[in-house]
């Protein structure tokens, strides 16, 4: 997708480039900034985008999360934020026994911002 030439002076340099150009420049810029500042970073390249390769990537990241959690002395299978997220999902999807939490969530959402990004 080509980025149209615009009227915003500070963004005019993007006009004529593609979204792919933009994403690649952001990737290279991030890699270089991290490397020059001696920060660890890694690029993962898949041979193709398919159910198999995406599944392998997700599995690798899940295993990596377990290993890093253990290295930091964190039980990666017992995180309060994860459990709270599950409970909230149960409530929102109408699972029996979570009716009161659903009411709390609905009240929270009504009071929240109208602009969510």
Protein backbone atom coordinates (compact mmCIF):
# COMPACT_ATOMS: atom_id res chain seq x y z
CA UNK A 1 0.00 0.00 0.00
CA UNK A 2 1.48 3.30 -1.04
CA UNK A 3 1.46 6.19 1.41
CA UNK A 4 -0.14 9.17 -0.35
CA UNK A 5 1.67 12.46 -0.68
CA UNK A 6 0.15 14.70 1.95
CA UNK A 7 -0.06 18.26 3.04
CA UNK A 8 1.50 17.80 6.48
CA UNK A 9 4.99 19.25 6.14
CA UNK A 10 6.64 17.06 8.75
CA UNK A 11 5.26 13.88 7.16
CA UNK A 12 5.74 14.76 3.51
CA UNK A 13 8.88 12.61 3.27
CA UNK A 14 6.68 9.51 3.67
CA UNK A 15 4.68 10.25 0.51
CA UNK A 16 5.41 7.83 -2.30
CA UNK A 17 6.79 5.16 0.03
CA UNK A 18 4.86 2.00 0.83
CA UNK A 19 3.76 0.80 4.24
CA UNK A 20 6.27 -2.02 3.73
CA UNK A 21 9.03 0.60 3.24
CA UNK A 22 7.96 2.27 6.48
CA UNK A 23 7.88 -0.98 8.48
CA UNK A 24 11.27 -2.07 7.12
CA UNK A 25 12.85 1.31 7.96
CA UNK A 26 11.41 1.11 11.48
CA UNK A 27 12.77 -2.43 11.88
CA UNK A 28 16.26 -1.53 10.68
CA UNK A 29 16.28 1.65 12.76
CA UNK A 30 15.30 -0.27 15.90
CA UNK A 31 17.86 -3.02 15.28
CA UNK A 32 20.63 -0.47 14.78
CA UNK A 33 19.67 1.62 17.82
CA UNK A 34 19.61 -1.43 20.09
CA UNK A 35 22.83 -2.89 18.69
CA UNK A 36 24.75 0.40 18.92
CA UNK A 37 23.65 0.71 22.55
CA UNK A 38 24.73 -2.88 23.26
CA UNK A 39 21.18 -4.01 24.00
CA UNK A 40 20.12 -7.56 23.21
CA UNK A 41 17.85 -7.95 20.22
CA UNK A 42 16.92 -10.66 17.78
CA UNK A 43 15.28 -10.94 14.40
CA UNK A 44 13.21 -14.01 13.65
CA UNK A 45 12.81 -14.88 9.98
CA UNK A 46 10.20 -17.42 8.94
CA UNK A 47 10.62 -19.41 5.72
CA UNK A 48 6.94 -18.78 4.99
CA UNK A 49 3.81 -17.54 6.71
CA UNK A 50 1.68 -20.62 7.32
CA UNK A 51 -0.23 -22.30 10.10
CA UNK A 52 2.79 -24.49 10.76
CA UNK A 53 5.43 -21.76 10.96
CA UNK A 54 3.23 -19.42 13.01
CA UNK A 55 2.43 -22.31 15.36
CA UNK A 56 6.13 -23.08 15.73
CA UNK A 57 6.89 -19.43 16.46
CA UNK A 58 4.17 -19.21 19.12
CA UNK A 59 5.38 -22.44 20.72
CA UNK A 60 8.97 -21.17 20.78
CA UNK A 61 7.88 -17.92 22.45
CA UNK A 62 5.79 -19.82 25.01
CA UNK A 63 8.74 -22.05 25.92
CA UNK A 64 11.01 -19.01 26.04
CA UNK A 65 8.60 -17.33 28.48
CA UNK A 66 8.71 -20.37 30.78
CA UNK A 67 12.52 -20.50 30.72
CA UNK A 68 12.97 -16.77 31.37
CA UNK A 69 10.36 -16.89 34.14
CA UNK A 70 12.27 -19.69 35.85
CA UNK A 71 15.56 -17.77 35.43
CA UNK A 72 14.03 -14.77 37.22
CA UNK A 73 12.49 -16.93 39.93
CA UNK A 74 8.96 -16.29 38.70
CA UNK A 75 6.42 -19.08 38.39
CA UNK A 76 5.24 -18.45 34.81
CA UNK A 77 2.19 -20.65 35.35
CA UNK A 78 0.82 -18.70 38.32
CA UNK A 79 0.70 -15.03 37.45
CA UNK A 80 -2.02 -12.92 39.05
CA UNK A 81 -2.49 -10.76 35.97
CA UNK A 82 -3.04 -13.83 33.81
CA UNK A 83 -5.56 -15.29 36.22
CA UNK A 84 -7.39 -11.96 36.52
CA UNK A 85 -7.54 -11.75 32.74
CA UNK A 86 -9.08 -15.23 32.55
CA UNK A 87 -11.67 -14.35 35.18
CA UNK A 88 -12.59 -11.17 33.32
CA UNK A 89 -12.94 -13.12 30.07
CA UNK A 90 -15.16 -15.70 31.76
CA UNK A 91 -17.37 -12.92 33.11
CA UNK A 92 -17.63 -11.10 29.79
CA UNK A 93 -18.49 -14.31 27.95
CA UNK A 94 -21.23 -15.24 30.43
CA UNK A 95 -19.65 -18.18 32.27
CA UNK A 96 -21.80 -19.28 35.20
CA UNK A 97 -20.60 -18.01 38.56
CA UNK A 98 -19.06 -14.82 37.19
CA UNK A 99 -22.19 -12.66 36.99
CA UNK A 100 -21.11 -10.19 39.69
CA UNK A 101 -17.73 -9.64 38.03
CA UNK A 102 -19.50 -8.98 34.74
CA UNK A 103 -21.54 -6.22 36.38
CA UNK A 104 -18.34 -4.67 37.76
CA UNK A 105 -16.68 -4.78 34.33
CA UNK A 106 -19.70 -3.27 32.61
CA UNK A 107 -19.79 -0.46 35.18
CA UNK A 108 -16.07 0.15 34.66
CA UNK A 109 -16.47 0.27 30.89
CA UNK A 110 -19.37 2.74 31.07
CA UNK A 111 -17.26 5.09 33.21
CA UNK A 112 -14.19 4.71 30.98
CA UNK A 113 -12.84 6.80 28.16
CA UNK A 114 -14.66 7.03 24.87
CA UNK A 115 -11.34 6.93 23.03
CA UNK A 116 -9.54 3.62 23.22
CA UNK A 117 -6.43 3.00 21.15
